[in-house]
Every structure is written in structure tokens, then in C-alpha cells.
Protein backbone atom coordinates (compact mmCIF):
# COMPACT_ATOMS: atom_id res chain seq x y z
CA UNK A 1 0.00 0.00 0.00
CA UNK A 2 1.31 3.44 -0.91
CA UNK A 3 0.98 6.25 1.60
CA UNK A 4 -0.15 9.60 0.24
CA UNK A 5 0.44 12.86 2.04
CA UNK A 6 -2.66 14.92 2.76
CA UNK A 7 -2.76 18.67 2.20
CA UNK A 8 -2.14 20.57 5.43
CA UNK A 9 -5.56 22.26 5.23
CA UNK A 10 -7.40 18.95 5.73
CA UNK A 11 -5.44 17.90 8.82
CA UNK A 12 -6.34 19.07 12.31
CA UNK A 13 -4.79 18.39 15.68
CA UNK A 14 -6.43 16.03 18.16
CA UNK A 15 -7.00 19.02 20.47
CA UNK A 16 -8.79 20.98 17.73
CA UNK A 17 -10.88 17.93 16.84
CA UNK A 18 -11.92 17.53 20.47
CA UNK A 19 -13.00 21.19 20.69
CA UNK A 20 -15.07 20.91 17.52
CA UNK A 21 -16.71 17.69 18.70
CA UNK A 22 -17.47 19.02 22.20
CA UNK A 23 -19.04 22.19 20.74
CA UNK A 24 -21.23 20.01 18.52
CA UNK A 25 -19.65 21.45 15.37
CA UNK A 26 -18.34 18.08 14.15
CA UNK A 27 -18.87 14.35 14.32
CA UNK A 28 -16.31 11.58 13.95
CA UNK A 29 -16.56 9.07 11.15
CA UNK A 30 -14.81 5.88 12.18
CA UNK A 31 -13.51 4.52 8.88
CA UNK A 32 -11.15 1.98 10.36
CA UNK A 33 -10.84 -1.25 8.39
CA UNK A 34 -12.12 -4.50 9.88
CA UNK A 35 -8.62 -5.91 10.54
CA UNK A 36 -7.56 -2.80 12.44
CA UNK A 37 -10.92 -2.61 14.21
CA UNK A 38 -10.35 -6.06 15.69
CA UNK A 39 -7.05 -4.85 17.21
CA UNK A 40 -8.33 -1.53 18.58
CA UNK A 41 -8.05 -0.97 22.30
CA UNK A 42 -10.65 1.83 22.27
CA UNK A 43 -12.93 3.48 19.75
CA UNK A 44 -13.93 7.15 19.67
CA UNK A 45 -17.02 7.80 21.77
CA UNK A 46 -20.15 8.49 19.69
CA UNK A 47 -18.30 7.94 16.41
CA UNK A 48 -20.29 6.86 13.39
CA UNK A 49 -18.75 3.53 12.33
CA UNK A 50 -18.61 2.99 8.57
CA UNK A 51 -16.47 0.24 7.08
CA UNK A 52 -14.23 1.71 4.35
CA UNK A 53 -15.85 -0.53 1.73
CA UNK A 54 -19.25 1.12 2.45
CA UNK A 55 -18.11 4.75 2.59
CA UNK A 56 -18.93 5.81 -0.99
CA UNK A 57 -22.40 4.26 -0.83
CA UNK A 58 -23.19 5.88 2.52
CA UNK A 59 -21.72 9.32 1.76
CA UNK A 60 -24.99 10.82 0.44
CA UNK A 61 -26.75 9.96 3.73
CA UNK A 62 -24.19 11.59 6.03
CA UNK A 63 -25.17 14.74 7.92
CA UNK A 64 -24.26 17.98 6.13
CA UNK A 65 -24.92 20.39 8.99
CA UNK A 66 -21.71 19.49 10.85
CA UNK A 67 -18.08 18.94 9.92
CA UNK A 68 -17.15 15.34 9.30
CA UNK A 69 -13.87 14.29 10.92
CA UNK A 70 -12.57 10.96 9.71
CA UNK A 71 -10.49 8.46 11.63
CA UNK A 72 -9.01 5.87 9.33
CA UNK A 73 -6.18 3.41 8.83
């Protein structure tokens, strides 16, 4: 698998993510693959779990009124 760098404007710090979530401005999309999910010690509280293979199909139904923060592997 090839890693691709993300543009700096789409990355936020964990502290900034926490602030946005606590204010209700954002929700977390848990896009962790099944293999990684099985090894997780903890999952983000109140995250919306979507397997990566289902993301494109479920994208139209995601809330648009808040920022979507993704957690993925």
C-alpha cells in the first residue's frame, strides 16, 4: 500500500478535533478497516462507524450540517 500525504488544510490536531466535537460542530466518522478494528483498544465515543468498503455508498446519507472528521487506517 502506498501512503499519500494529505494537504495541510485537511489535517487538524487532536486538540482541535476535540473542541469541535465538544461544541457540537463536528462528528467523527470511524472509517477503520475490519482488521484494524479487531485490534483496537478503544474506539472514539459516539463515532459513526462505517467500514471503508461502504463509505462511498453511505456518503450521500451523512449529515451535512456538521463537519465530518474521519479516523481511518
